[in-house]
Amino acid sequence: MNRHYAHRKLSVLWLALAPGLMLATAASAQSASTAPAHIANDSAASASPQAGSDGDNASSRSTAGDGKALGGGAPYATGSSWENAGGGYRNTRFAPAEWQINPFNAARLKTAWTFTTAGDVSATPTVQGSALYVPDWGGQLYRIDTTLGKAVWQVKLSDYTGNAASLSRNSPAIARDSVLVGDQASGTVVAIDKNTGKLLWKTLVEANAQARITASPVVYGDRVYVGVSSGDWGGLTPGYTFSFRGSVAALDLKTGKLLWRFQTAPEGYTGAAVWGTLALDPQRQRVYATTGNNYSVPLDVASCVKNANGDKTAQLACLAPDNYVDSVLALDMRSGKPVWTRRLQGADAWSLSCLVAPTVGVCQQPQGPDYDFSGGGANLFTAIRNGKPQALVGAGQKSGVYWAFDADSGRTVWSTQVGPGGTAGGIEWGSSVDPLKSRVYVAINNNNHTSYTLAPGNTETWNAGSWAALDAASGKILWQVKVPGVDPVQTAFGAGGRGPLASSPGLVYAGSMSGAMTVLDAATGKTLWSFDAGGSVSSAPALVDGAVYWGAGYSRFNFGTGIHKLYKFVPATSRGR
């Protein structure tokens, strides 16, 4: 084995094992001194936070809990599993144990098998051993044998919900004997026996007719955590009345019983949907969530916002303090009560009518920029700052800004404008974080094709999507490269980076709306391998046991082109799992 990768293998073993060891022996000084400092700290008991000076309720805090590890769930993807959209409950989309594919052999990836689905595949597959679970836009959910590339079982989500429109666009969460998915046609979470495909339970988390479950559920111990989004933003009928309010909920894993639900907007306000996968912090007993824009606010509030003349601080003063618009939230895992909250944008009332039907009177004035936190959700990671490890909560916004906050207090640690914002991003469906190399990998969609200068050289202007690596401690852009290919709809422009990213030691995996599945050198951004998927790629792969599992096809809202495919790639020297 290459000496460099033998050393890296030892490092990733520490990353995979240290969090569990720290949870089991929270007071163990020996473990803390043996594991790499920033990894040990990632799971060590948090110190008393300093009050933040720049955040909404940044100084408020709940107690840390009774100190008992809840058990269950993995912080990262492991050598044999990728449990949810983010790989593990920290939602980093990072596979620390994946060293079989590396910068020395990534250029020689080959197709092991191709599976044809009933619809486009924009969800990251989830994997446990030889079982892979993935939904498609045709309303199907599959269990696929990872060796053979054949379906073990295939079910229609509508058979469980009774709603013909039911489908799932999110990654199934794997927990014990269950796989859990959310319904894109209602606010329902469904638990299915992972071996047989039979229904175990279903729970209507939110009864509003416009409720949707867009994010992947996340499991820790005996609880399922999930955000609730909506289709309310698309109302175009004259006189349409918005009614949906976003929420975060906790369910009992065994029964589906609703344990708590936190509303992200008060009465009189609508929107603040939770689109992205949550990040969990068992040691601090916190759930980190990101929210979207309002659809409407009370008329007197809208008048106040108008008089603020674009001043974001003045706009926020107009809003109810519990209207968590375009926010990052830290909630208590046990009760759902807020620990700290950050509103990042100012007022932002926006709906689809603002873009496509502004004359019907549904778009509330003054309209916002639609700079919500979209499908990526929050990332939990640790970086070395001033010689000490610091736990950070990161999130990418459709404004094109990636934010990093102190996990204890919610104080802003850094923020970086990575690329232009827009109603379709900006940063859309998810970033990846490698805590070993202290890097955050970000995709910029730039659907509006605004001109900007690629960093860090500041010499090249570009008007399409890009991929970038940021220093996790400072937010400094280390490299930024163009997304390859041509926009499949606006063919005069380059393609966007709408989908999420994934990473493993030394590599970044990125999909293009042009249809390119690309592997980048994590150190430089150089393309090592590329594959034409045949349709737009708005997904990220699961990286498990020397294999890459990657879905293709996205034709929603005329953003890209469809193809009903799931691919498995392995190094050319491998026979695959």
Protein backbone atom coordinates (compact mmCIF):
# COMPACT_ATOMS: atom_id res chain seq x y z
CA MET A 1 0.00 0.00 0.00
CA ASN A 2 1.25 3.53 -0.76
CA ARG A 3 2.88 4.91 2.46
CA HIS A 4 0.87 8.13 2.23
CA TYR A 5 -2.40 6.21 2.16
CA ALA A 6 -1.34 3.86 4.93
CA HIS A 7 -0.91 6.92 7.12
CA ARG A 8 -4.24 8.32 5.90
CA LYS A 9 -5.95 5.03 6.70
CA LEU A 10 -4.82 5.28 10.33
CA SER A 11 -6.12 8.85 10.44
CA VAL A 12 -9.52 7.96 9.07
CA LEU A 13 -9.82 5.08 11.51
CA TRP A 14 -9.37 7.60 14.29
CA LEU A 15 -12.00 9.84 12.75
CA ALA A 16 -14.48 6.99 12.53
CA LEU A 17 -13.80 5.58 16.00
CA ALA A 18 -13.03 8.57 18.19
CA PRO A 19 -16.58 10.06 18.31
CA GLY A 20 -18.06 6.78 19.50
CA LEU A 21 -15.32 6.33 22.06
CA MET A 22 -15.82 9.84 23.34
CA LEU A 23 -19.55 9.35 23.71
CA ALA A 24 -19.08 6.10 25.58
CA THR A 25 -16.42 7.57 27.87
CA ALA A 26 -17.13 11.26 27.85
CA ALA A 27 -14.76 11.98 30.69
CA SER A 28 -11.88 9.89 29.42
CA ALA A 29 -8.75 12.03 29.32
CA GLN A 30 -6.83 9.12 27.85
CA SER A 31 -9.05 8.95 24.77
CA ALA A 32 -8.93 12.72 24.38
CA SER A 33 -5.15 12.72 24.48
CA THR A 34 -4.75 9.79 22.10
CA ALA A 35 -7.14 10.83 19.33
CA PRO A 36 -6.32 13.83 17.12
CA ALA A 37 -7.20 16.89 19.16
CA HIS A 38 -9.82 18.39 16.87
CA ILE A 39 -11.56 15.04 16.42
CA ALA A 40 -11.69 14.30 20.13
CA ASN A 41 -13.10 17.75 20.76
CA ASP A 42 -15.83 17.19 18.20
CA SER A 43 -17.51 14.83 20.64
CA ALA A 44 -16.19 16.08 23.95
CA ALA A 45 -18.50 17.82 26.38
CA SER A 46 -18.96 21.47 25.41
CA ALA A 47 -17.65 24.23 27.62
CA SER A 48 -19.86 27.04 28.78
CA PRO A 49 -20.46 29.27 25.76
CA GLN A 50 -19.70 32.93 25.49
CA ALA A 51 -22.66 35.11 24.69
CA GLY A 52 -22.72 36.03 21.01
CA SER A 53 -22.71 39.71 20.17
CA ASP A 54 -24.19 39.50 16.69
CA GLY A 55 -26.98 36.91 16.78
CA ASP A 56 -30.67 36.63 17.54
CA ASN A 57 -30.83 34.96 20.98
CA ALA A 58 -27.21 33.90 20.54
CA SER A 59 -26.56 33.97 24.27
CA SER A 60 -29.46 31.73 25.27
CA ARG A 61 -28.68 28.11 26.09
CA SER A 62 -30.34 25.02 27.48
CA THR A 63 -28.66 22.59 29.84
CA ALA A 64 -26.38 20.01 28.29
CA GLY A 65 -28.45 17.01 29.38
CA ASP A 66 -27.88 14.10 31.67
CA GLY A 67 -24.63 13.03 30.01
CA LYS A 68 -25.89 9.63 28.88
CA ALA A 69 -25.13 8.58 25.33
CA LEU A 70 -28.37 7.86 23.51
CA GLY A 71 -26.78 5.22 21.27
CA GLY A 72 -27.52 4.49 17.63
CA GLY A 73 -26.59 6.47 14.55
CA ALA A 74 -23.14 7.18 13.13
CA PRO A 75 -21.54 10.63 12.89
CA TYR A 76 -20.02 9.95 9.46
CA ALA A 77 -20.32 7.41 6.70
CA THR A 78 -18.46 4.23 7.64
CA GLY A 79 -16.55 1.67 5.61
CA SER A 80 -19.74 -0.31 5.08
CA SER A 81 -22.57 2.22 5.34
CA TRP A 82 -23.95 5.59 4.24
CA GLU A 83 -26.97 5.98 6.53
CA ASN A 84 -28.74 9.12 5.30
CA ALA A 85 -28.29 12.01 2.88
CA GLY A 86 -25.29 13.34 4.79
CA GLY A 87 -23.69 9.93 5.35
CA GLY A 88 -24.09 10.28 9.12
CA TYR A 89 -25.78 12.51 11.66
CA ARG A 90 -23.25 15.37 11.29
CA ASN A 91 -24.44 15.78 7.68
CA THR A 92 -20.96 16.31 6.25
CA ARG A 93 -21.28 14.02 3.19
CA PHE A 94 -17.77 12.80 4.01
CA ALA A 95 -16.58 9.18 3.94
CA PRO A 96 -13.48 9.10 6.18
CA ALA A 97 -12.87 5.37 5.75
CA GLU A 98 -13.05 5.41 1.95
CA TRP A 99 -9.40 5.03 0.99
CA GLN A 100 -9.80 2.30 -1.64
CA ILE A 101 -10.60 5.03 -4.17
CA ASN A 102 -7.91 7.72 -3.97
CA PRO A 103 -6.07 10.29 -6.12
CA PHE A 104 -3.81 7.53 -7.46
CA ASN A 105 -6.58 5.39 -8.98
CA ALA A 106 -9.62 7.68 -9.31
CA ALA A 107 -8.82 8.35 -12.97
CA ARG A 108 -9.43 4.66 -13.68
CA LEU A 109 -12.95 4.29 -12.32
CA LYS A 110 -15.13 1.95 -14.35
CA THR A 111 -18.86 1.22 -14.47
CA ALA A 112 -19.67 -1.92 -12.47
CA TRP A 113 -23.37 -1.86 -13.25
CA THR A 114 -26.23 0.42 -14.33
CA PHE A 115 -29.72 0.15 -12.87
CA THR A 116 -32.71 1.60 -14.74
CA THR A 117 -35.36 3.25 -12.57
CA ALA A 118 -38.91 4.43 -13.23
CA GLY A 119 -37.98 8.10 -12.81
CA ASP A 120 -35.10 10.50 -12.39
CA VAL A 121 -32.80 9.94 -9.40
CA SER A 122 -31.79 13.09 -7.52
CA ALA A 123 -31.44 11.52 -4.07
CA THR A 124 -28.16 10.27 -2.68
CA PRO A 125 -28.54 6.49 -2.30
CA THR A 126 -28.12 5.05 1.17
CA VAL A 127 -26.17 1.85 1.74
CA GLN A 128 -25.79 -0.71 4.49
CA GLY A 129 -23.64 -3.71 3.68
CA SER A 130 -24.88 -5.21 0.42
CA ALA A 131 -28.21 -3.36 0.51
CA LEU A 132 -28.76 -0.04 -1.27
CA TYR A 133 -31.95 2.04 -0.91
CA VAL A 134 -32.98 4.79 -3.29
CA PRO A 135 -36.22 6.49 -4.44
CA ASP A 136 -36.97 8.01 -7.83
CA TRP A 137 -39.21 10.73 -9.22
CA GLY A 138 -41.54 8.04 -10.56
CA GLY A 139 -42.75 7.34 -7.02
CA GLN A 140 -40.80 4.10 -6.57
CA LEU A 141 -38.53 3.03 -3.73
CA TYR A 142 -35.96 0.29 -4.33
CA ARG A 143 -33.76 -2.05 -2.38
CA ILE A 144 -30.90 -3.03 -4.69
CA ASP A 145 -28.23 -5.66 -4.21
CA THR A 146 -24.96 -3.73 -4.43
CA THR A 147 -23.05 -6.67 -5.90
CA LEU A 148 -25.48 -7.65 -8.63
CA GLY A 149 -27.17 -4.32 -9.33
CA LYS A 150 -30.56 -6.07 -9.18
CA ALA A 151 -33.69 -5.07 -7.25
CA VAL A 152 -34.38 -7.15 -4.13
CA TRP A 153 -37.71 -5.39 -3.76
CA GLN A 154 -39.46 -2.43 -5.35
CA VAL A 155 -42.47 -0.60 -3.92
CA LYS A 156 -44.64 2.39 -4.74
CA LEU A 157 -44.77 5.02 -2.00
CA SER A 158 -48.42 5.62 -2.85
CA ASP A 159 -49.24 2.08 -1.71
CA TYR A 160 -48.31 3.18 1.82
CA THR A 161 -49.84 6.66 1.80
CA GLY A 162 -52.95 6.16 -0.32
CA ASN A 163 -51.99 9.30 -2.26
CA ALA A 164 -51.36 8.69 -5.96
CA ALA A 165 -49.03 11.71 -6.08
CA SER A 166 -46.72 10.38 -3.38
CA LEU A 167 -43.02 10.15 -4.12
CA SER A 168 -39.79 10.72 -2.27
CA ARG A 169 -36.96 12.92 -3.46
CA ASN A 170 -34.89 12.45 -0.31
CA SER A 171 -32.42 9.81 0.78
CA PRO A 172 -33.94 7.01 2.86
CA ALA A 173 -32.52 6.91 6.38
CA ILE A 174 -31.41 3.46 7.52
CA ALA A 175 -31.97 2.66 11.20
CA ARG A 176 -32.09 -0.78 12.81
CA ASP A 177 -34.65 -2.78 10.84
CA SER A 178 -36.17 0.25 9.12
CA VAL A 179 -35.73 2.58 6.22
CA LEU A 180 -37.46 5.94 6.61
CA VAL A 181 -38.54 8.26 3.82
CA GLY A 182 -40.51 11.47 3.53
CA ASP A 183 -43.37 12.13 1.14
CA GLN A 184 -43.00 14.91 -1.43
CA ALA A 185 -46.81 15.08 -1.72
CA SER A 186 -47.64 15.48 1.99
CA GLY A 187 -46.11 16.01 5.40
CA THR A 188 -45.83 12.27 5.98
CA VAL A 189 -42.87 10.18 7.15
CA VAL A 190 -43.02 6.46 6.33
CA ALA A 191 -41.07 3.65 8.03
CA ILE A 192 -40.57 0.48 6.00
CA ASP A 193 -39.08 -2.88 6.93
CA LYS A 194 -35.68 -2.76 5.24
CA ASN A 195 -35.69 -6.49 4.51
CA THR A 196 -39.21 -6.99 3.17
CA GLY A 197 -40.39 -3.56 2.05
CA LYS A 198 -43.51 -3.86 4.22
CA LEU A 199 -44.98 -0.84 6.00
CA LEU A 200 -44.07 -0.51 9.68
CA TRP A 201 -45.73 2.85 10.40
CA LYS A 202 -46.56 6.20 8.86
CA THR A 203 -46.92 9.54 10.62
CA LEU A 204 -48.50 12.74 9.36
CA VAL A 205 -46.02 15.22 10.83
CA GLU A 206 -47.79 18.28 9.42
CA ALA A 207 -51.44 18.25 8.34
CA ASN A 208 -51.33 21.38 6.17
CA ALA A 209 -52.23 20.32 2.63
CA GLN A 210 -49.13 22.04 1.26
CA ALA A 211 -46.69 20.30 3.61
CA ARG A 212 -43.84 18.26 2.10
CA ILE A 213 -40.92 16.24 3.46
CA THR A 214 -38.00 17.22 1.25
CA ALA A 215 -35.12 16.45 3.61
CA SER A 216 -33.74 13.07 4.55
CA PRO A 217 -34.74 11.96 8.06
CA VAL A 218 -31.87 11.63 10.56
CA VAL A 219 -31.87 9.02 13.33
CA TYR A 220 -30.09 9.00 16.66
CA GLY A 221 -30.95 6.54 19.41
CA ASP A 222 -34.69 5.93 19.43
CA ARG A 223 -35.62 9.17 17.70
CA VAL A 224 -36.15 10.32 14.15
CA TYR A 225 -35.55 14.00 13.39
CA VAL A 226 -36.93 15.65 10.27
CA GLY A 227 -37.77 19.06 8.82
CA VAL A 228 -41.01 19.97 7.07
CA SER A 229 -41.04 21.97 3.83
CA SER A 230 -43.90 22.88 1.50
CA GLY A 231 -45.34 23.44 -1.94
CA ASP A 232 -47.18 26.56 -0.78
CA TRP A 233 -44.55 28.83 -2.32
CA GLY A 234 -45.82 27.90 -5.79
CA GLY A 235 -49.31 29.45 -5.41
CA LEU A 236 -50.12 31.40 -8.58
CA THR A 237 -53.93 31.73 -8.54
CA PRO A 238 -55.22 35.28 -8.05
CA GLY A 239 -56.44 35.62 -4.48
CA TYR A 240 -54.42 32.61 -3.32
CA THR A 241 -53.92 32.57 0.45
CA PHE A 242 -50.71 31.14 1.87
CA SER A 243 -51.15 29.01 4.98
CA PHE A 244 -48.09 26.80 5.52
CA ARG A 245 -45.56 27.29 8.33
CA GLY A 246 -42.34 25.29 8.51
CA SER A 247 -41.34 23.04 11.39
CA VAL A 248 -38.80 20.60 12.80
CA ALA A 249 -40.08 17.42 14.44
CA ALA A 250 -38.92 14.44 16.47
CA LEU A 251 -40.62 11.04 16.16
CA ASP A 252 -40.31 7.77 18.03
CA LEU A 253 -38.31 5.38 15.84
CA LYS A 254 -40.29 2.29 16.86
CA THR A 255 -43.85 3.66 16.68
CA GLY A 256 -43.69 6.90 14.69
CA LYS A 257 -45.30 8.81 17.56
CA LEU A 258 -44.79 12.58 17.31
CA LEU A 259 -42.67 13.56 20.33
CA TRP A 260 -42.30 17.28 19.65
CA ARG A 261 -42.62 19.79 16.84
CA PHE A 262 -41.07 23.25 16.67
CA GLN A 263 -42.81 25.82 14.45
CA THR A 264 -40.46 28.12 12.53
CA ALA A 265 -42.98 30.92 11.93
CA PRO A 266 -45.69 32.39 14.20
CA GLU A 267 -49.37 32.93 13.48
CA GLY A 268 -49.90 35.52 10.76
CA TYR A 269 -46.68 34.58 8.95
CA THR A 270 -46.20 31.81 6.39
CA GLY A 271 -43.18 29.99 5.00
CA ALA A 272 -39.84 29.46 6.77
CA ALA A 273 -39.85 25.91 5.41
CA VAL A 274 -37.15 23.45 6.46
CA TRP A 275 -35.82 22.06 3.19
CA GLY A 276 -32.47 20.61 4.22
CA THR A 277 -31.30 17.60 6.18
CA LEU A 278 -30.71 18.29 9.86
CA ALA A 279 -27.36 17.92 11.65
CA LEU A 280 -27.35 16.33 15.10
CA ASP A 281 -25.03 17.07 18.02
CA PRO A 282 -25.66 14.39 20.68
CA GLN A 283 -22.99 15.70 23.04
CA ARG A 284 -24.56 19.15 23.19
CA GLN A 285 -28.02 17.60 22.81
CA ARG A 286 -28.82 19.81 19.83
CA VAL A 287 -30.49 19.65 16.45
CA TYR A 288 -29.23 22.15 13.86
CA ALA A 289 -31.72 23.23 11.20
CA THR A 290 -31.86 25.76 8.39
CA THR A 291 -34.97 27.55 7.14
CA GLY A 292 -36.35 29.27 4.07
CA ASN A 293 -38.02 32.53 3.14
CA ASN A 294 -41.45 33.74 4.17
CA TYR A 295 -44.27 33.53 1.63
CA SER A 296 -46.25 36.26 3.33
CA VAL A 297 -46.10 38.46 6.43
CA PRO A 298 -48.83 40.59 8.08
CA LEU A 299 -49.66 43.74 6.12
CA ASP A 300 -48.46 46.08 8.86
CA VAL A 301 -45.16 44.20 8.92
CA ALA A 302 -44.84 44.52 5.14
CA SER A 303 -45.40 48.27 5.48
CA CYS A 304 -42.71 48.48 8.14
CA VAL A 305 -40.30 46.53 5.93
CA LYS A 306 -40.97 48.90 3.04
CA ASN A 307 -40.15 51.89 5.23
CA ALA A 308 -36.86 50.25 6.24
CA ASN A 309 -35.56 51.07 2.74
CA GLY A 310 -33.43 47.95 2.42
CA ASP A 311 -31.75 48.19 5.83
CA LYS A 312 -31.58 44.54 6.95
CA THR A 313 -31.29 45.37 10.65
CA ALA A 314 -34.33 47.63 10.44
CA GLN A 315 -36.20 44.96 8.49
CA LEU A 316 -35.54 42.35 11.16
CA ALA A 317 -36.84 44.77 13.78
CA CYS A 318 -40.15 44.80 11.88
CA LEU A 319 -40.53 41.03 12.08
CA ALA A 320 -41.82 39.00 15.00
CA PRO A 321 -38.82 37.64 16.94
CA ASP A 322 -40.07 34.07 16.45
CA ASN A 323 -40.36 34.45 12.68
CA TYR A 324 -37.27 32.40 11.85
CA VAL A 325 -36.91 33.41 8.21
CA ASP A 326 -33.68 32.44 6.38
CA SER A 327 -32.28 31.18 9.67
CA VAL A 328 -29.92 28.71 11.26
CA LEU A 329 -31.40 27.20 14.42
CA ALA A 330 -30.03 25.17 17.32
CA LEU A 331 -32.83 23.26 19.05
CA ASP A 332 -32.76 21.07 22.14
CA MET A 333 -32.89 17.42 21.01
CA ARG A 334 -35.20 16.42 23.85
CA SER A 335 -37.75 19.23 23.81
CA GLY A 336 -37.38 21.05 20.48
CA LYS A 337 -36.97 24.37 22.28
CA PRO A 338 -34.56 26.88 20.72
CA VAL A 339 -31.08 27.14 22.25
CA TRP A 340 -29.80 29.79 19.86
CA THR A 341 -31.12 31.21 16.60
CA ARG A 342 -29.62 33.29 13.79
CA ARG A 343 -31.58 35.20 11.15
CA LEU A 344 -29.19 35.92 8.29
CA GLN A 345 -30.97 37.82 5.58
CA GLY A 346 -33.40 40.48 6.78
CA ALA A 347 -36.95 40.43 5.46
CA ASP A 348 -37.52 37.94 2.64
CA ALA A 349 -41.14 37.43 1.56
CA TRP A 350 -41.12 35.64 -1.79
CA SER A 351 -43.22 33.16 -3.75
CA LEU A 352 -43.08 31.74 -7.26
CA SER A 353 -45.56 34.35 -8.46
CA CYS A 354 -42.88 37.01 -7.88
CA LEU A 355 -40.90 35.35 -10.65
CA VAL A 356 -43.43 34.05 -13.17
CA ALA A 357 -46.75 35.83 -12.46
CA PRO A 358 -46.08 39.12 -10.66
CA THR A 359 -49.32 40.70 -11.89
CA VAL A 360 -51.72 38.28 -10.17
CA GLY A 361 -51.26 40.02 -6.83
CA VAL A 362 -49.96 37.02 -4.87
CA CYS A 363 -46.37 38.27 -4.66
CA GLN A 364 -46.22 40.34 -1.50
CA GLN A 365 -44.47 43.69 -1.68
CA PRO A 366 -41.77 44.51 -0.99
CA GLN A 367 -40.62 41.16 -2.30
CA GLY A 368 -37.50 39.55 -0.94
CA PRO A 369 -34.55 38.06 -2.85
CA ASP A 370 -35.52 34.42 -2.07
CA TYR A 371 -32.21 33.84 -0.30
CA ASP A 372 -33.34 30.91 1.81
CA PHE A 373 -31.29 27.99 3.03
CA SER A 374 -32.30 25.31 0.57
CA GLY A 375 -31.81 21.56 0.49
CA GLY A 376 -28.30 21.30 1.89
CA GLY A 377 -29.17 21.79 5.55
CA ALA A 378 -26.59 22.32 8.29
CA ASN A 379 -23.13 20.74 8.61
CA LEU A 380 -21.48 20.03 11.98
CA PHE A 381 -17.67 19.93 12.03
CA THR A 382 -14.60 20.93 14.02
CA ALA A 383 -11.73 23.16 12.90
CA ILE A 384 -8.53 24.30 14.60
CA ARG A 385 -8.70 28.03 15.32
CA ASN A 386 -6.05 29.91 17.26
CA GLY A 387 -4.43 26.60 18.09
CA LYS A 388 -7.58 25.14 19.63
CA PRO A 389 -10.37 22.93 18.27
CA GLN A 390 -13.70 24.69 17.81
CA ALA A 391 -16.99 23.00 16.93
CA LEU A 392 -18.71 24.83 14.08
CA VAL A 393 -22.14 24.72 12.46
CA GLY A 394 -21.94 25.52 8.76
CA ALA A 395 -24.61 26.22 6.16
CA GLY A 396 -24.73 27.33 2.53
CA GLN A 397 -27.31 29.90 1.46
CA LYS A 398 -28.91 30.70 -1.90
CA SER A 399 -27.27 34.11 -1.55
CA GLY A 400 -24.01 32.35 -2.43
CA VAL A 401 -22.67 32.77 1.11
CA TYR A 402 -21.37 29.90 3.22
CA TRP A 403 -21.64 30.62 6.96
CA ALA A 404 -19.86 29.11 9.95
CA PHE A 405 -21.14 29.60 13.51
CA ASP A 406 -19.80 28.64 16.91
CA ALA A 407 -21.76 25.52 17.89
CA ASP A 408 -22.02 26.61 21.52
CA SER A 409 -23.16 30.21 21.18
CA GLY A 410 -24.31 30.69 17.59
CA ARG A 411 -21.82 33.53 17.13
CA THR A 412 -20.68 34.07 13.53
CA VAL A 413 -17.13 32.77 13.16
CA TRP A 414 -16.80 33.50 9.44
CA SER A 415 -18.83 33.93 6.27
CA THR A 416 -17.64 33.73 2.67
CA GLN A 417 -19.28 34.94 -0.53
CA VAL A 418 -18.40 31.99 -2.75
CA GLY A 419 -20.44 33.00 -5.81
CA PRO A 420 -23.51 34.91 -6.99
CA GLY A 421 -26.89 34.40 -5.37
CA GLY A 422 -30.21 33.76 -7.05
CA THR A 423 -33.65 32.21 -6.69
CA ALA A 424 -32.11 28.88 -7.73
CA GLY A 425 -28.79 29.53 -6.00
CA GLY A 426 -26.20 30.37 -4.99
CA ILE A 427 -25.65 27.33 -2.90
CA GLU A 428 -28.55 24.92 -3.33
CA TRP A 429 -28.49 21.25 -2.36
CA GLY A 430 -25.55 20.68 -0.11
CA SER A 431 -21.88 21.08 0.75
CA SER A 432 -19.36 18.53 2.00
CA VAL A 433 -16.87 18.91 4.85
CA ASP A 434 -13.59 17.03 5.32
CA PRO A 435 -12.52 17.65 8.94
CA LEU A 436 -9.27 15.73 8.37
CA LYS A 437 -8.07 18.33 5.87
CA SER A 438 -10.14 21.16 7.41
CA ARG A 439 -11.98 21.88 4.18
CA VAL A 440 -15.51 22.78 3.17
CA TYR A 441 -16.46 21.95 -0.41
CA VAL A 442 -19.16 24.13 -1.96
CA ALA A 443 -21.12 24.06 -5.23
CA ILE A 444 -22.38 27.28 -6.85
CA ASN A 445 -25.32 26.94 -9.24
CA ASN A 446 -25.54 30.52 -10.60
CA ASN A 447 -28.72 29.80 -12.52
CA ASN A 448 -29.02 33.53 -13.36
CA HIS A 449 -25.60 33.40 -15.08
CA THR A 450 -24.28 36.45 -13.25
CA SER A 451 -20.65 37.30 -13.97
CA TYR A 452 -18.20 36.88 -11.09
CA THR A 453 -14.49 36.36 -10.57
CA LEU A 454 -13.20 32.94 -9.62
CA ALA A 455 -11.08 32.89 -6.47
CA PRO A 456 -8.39 32.81 -5.22
CA GLY A 457 -6.48 34.10 -8.27
CA ASN A 458 -9.09 36.82 -8.97
CA THR A 459 -8.11 36.81 -12.62
CA GLU A 460 -10.85 34.87 -14.44
CA THR A 461 -14.45 36.00 -14.89
CA TRP A 462 -17.17 33.36 -15.20
CA ASN A 463 -20.96 33.39 -15.61
CA ALA A 464 -21.99 29.84 -14.73
CA GLY A 465 -21.52 27.31 -11.94
CA SER A 466 -18.39 26.55 -9.96
CA TRP A 467 -17.01 24.25 -7.29
CA ALA A 468 -14.83 25.59 -4.50
CA ALA A 469 -12.79 24.49 -1.50
CA LEU A 470 -12.81 26.68 1.62
CA ASP A 471 -10.55 26.57 4.65
CA ALA A 472 -12.86 25.31 7.41
CA ALA A 473 -11.12 27.46 10.03
CA SER A 474 -11.18 30.79 8.19
CA GLY A 475 -13.51 30.52 5.21
CA LYS A 476 -10.71 31.46 2.81
CA ILE A 477 -11.29 30.13 -0.70
CA LEU A 478 -8.42 27.77 -1.49
CA TRP A 479 -9.44 26.91 -5.03
CA GLN A 480 -12.42 27.46 -7.31
CA VAL A 481 -13.02 25.76 -10.66
CA LYS A 482 -15.66 25.95 -13.37
CA VAL A 483 -18.45 23.39 -13.55
CA PRO A 484 -17.86 21.59 -16.87
CA GLY A 485 -20.27 21.45 -19.77
CA VAL A 486 -23.13 23.50 -21.17
CA ASP A 487 -26.39 24.46 -19.47
CA PRO A 488 -28.87 21.97 -21.00
CA VAL A 489 -31.65 24.59 -21.09
CA GLN A 490 -29.83 27.90 -21.60
CA THR A 491 -27.31 26.50 -24.06
CA ALA A 492 -25.47 29.80 -24.56
CA PHE A 493 -24.08 29.46 -21.03
CA GLY A 494 -22.03 27.03 -19.02
CA ALA A 495 -23.68 24.52 -16.69
CA GLY A 496 -24.58 25.03 -13.06
CA GLY A 497 -23.61 23.12 -9.94
CA ARG A 498 -27.07 22.59 -8.52
CA GLY A 499 -26.52 19.29 -6.76
CA PRO A 500 -24.72 18.49 -3.52
CA LEU A 501 -21.11 17.40 -3.19
CA ALA A 502 -19.53 14.42 -1.46
CA SER A 503 -15.95 13.81 -0.40
CA SER A 504 -13.50 11.22 0.85
CA PRO A 505 -9.83 11.61 1.80
CA GLY A 506 -8.18 13.30 -1.18
CA LEU A 507 -11.24 13.42 -3.45
CA VAL A 508 -14.35 15.52 -4.13
CA TYR A 509 -17.34 14.15 -6.08
CA ALA A 510 -19.45 16.68 -7.98
CA GLY A 511 -22.30 16.51 -10.49
CA SER A 512 -23.15 18.97 -13.25
CA MET A 513 -26.47 19.90 -14.79
CA SER A 514 -24.73 19.20 -18.11
CA GLY A 515 -24.67 15.52 -17.12
CA ALA A 516 -21.06 15.22 -16.01
CA MET A 517 -20.23 13.10 -12.97
CA THR A 518 -16.82 14.40 -11.92
CA VAL A 519 -14.14 13.45 -9.41
CA LEU A 520 -11.81 16.28 -8.38
CA ASP A 521 -8.45 16.28 -6.64
CA ALA A 522 -9.29 17.71 -3.22
CA ALA A 523 -5.95 19.51 -3.02
CA THR A 524 -6.23 21.43 -6.29
CA GLY A 525 -9.70 21.08 -7.81
CA LYS A 526 -8.20 19.39 -10.86
CA THR A 527 -10.51 16.95 -12.65
CA LEU A 528 -9.26 13.39 -12.25
CA TRP A 529 -12.21 11.55 -13.81
CA SER A 530 -15.46 12.40 -15.58
CA PHE A 531 -18.40 10.35 -16.81
CA ASP A 532 -21.33 11.40 -19.02
CA ALA A 533 -24.42 10.27 -17.11
CA GLY A 534 -26.74 10.97 -20.04
CA GLY A 535 -28.88 13.44 -18.08
CA SER A 536 -28.52 16.23 -15.54
CA VAL A 537 -26.85 15.28 -12.25
CA SER A 538 -28.51 16.95 -9.26
CA SER A 539 -27.38 14.35 -6.76
CA ALA A 540 -24.28 13.34 -4.85
CA PRO A 541 -22.97 9.80 -4.57
CA ALA A 542 -22.74 7.46 -1.63
CA LEU A 543 -19.14 6.32 -1.10
CA VAL A 544 -18.94 2.88 0.49
CA ASP A 545 -16.37 0.08 0.54
CA GLY A 546 -14.48 1.05 -2.60
CA ALA A 547 -17.58 1.84 -4.65
CA VAL A 548 -19.40 4.97 -5.84
CA TYR A 549 -23.22 4.82 -6.10
CA TRP A 550 -24.60 7.77 -8.06
CA GLY A 551 -28.03 8.65 -9.46
CA ALA A 552 -28.80 10.73 -12.55
CA GLY A 553 -31.63 12.73 -14.08
CA TYR A 554 -33.31 16.00 -13.11
CA SER A 555 -35.93 17.67 -15.30
CA ARG A 556 -37.99 19.57 -12.71
CA PHE A 557 -38.92 23.20 -13.47
CA ASN A 558 -37.08 22.98 -16.80
CA PHE A 559 -33.75 23.15 -14.96
CA GLY A 560 -32.19 20.14 -16.66
CA THR A 561 -32.65 16.90 -18.54
CA GLY A 562 -33.98 13.59 -17.32
CA ILE A 563 -32.59 10.09 -17.39
CA HIS A 564 -33.69 7.21 -15.18
CA LYS A 565 -30.37 5.76 -14.08
CA LEU A 566 -28.38 4.70 -11.05
CA TYR A 567 -24.70 3.86 -11.54
CA LYS A 568 -22.09 1.94 -9.59
CA PHE A 569 -18.43 2.77 -10.21
CA VAL A 570 -15.35 0.97 -8.89
CA PRO A 571 -11.60 1.25 -9.58
CA ALA A 572 -10.51 -0.56 -12.72
CA THR A 573 -8.46 -3.01 -10.66
CA SER A 574 -11.48 -3.95 -8.53
CA ARG A 575 -14.22 -6.48 -9.11
CA GLY A 576 -16.45 -4.41 -6.83
CA ARG A 577 -18.40 -5.53 -3.79
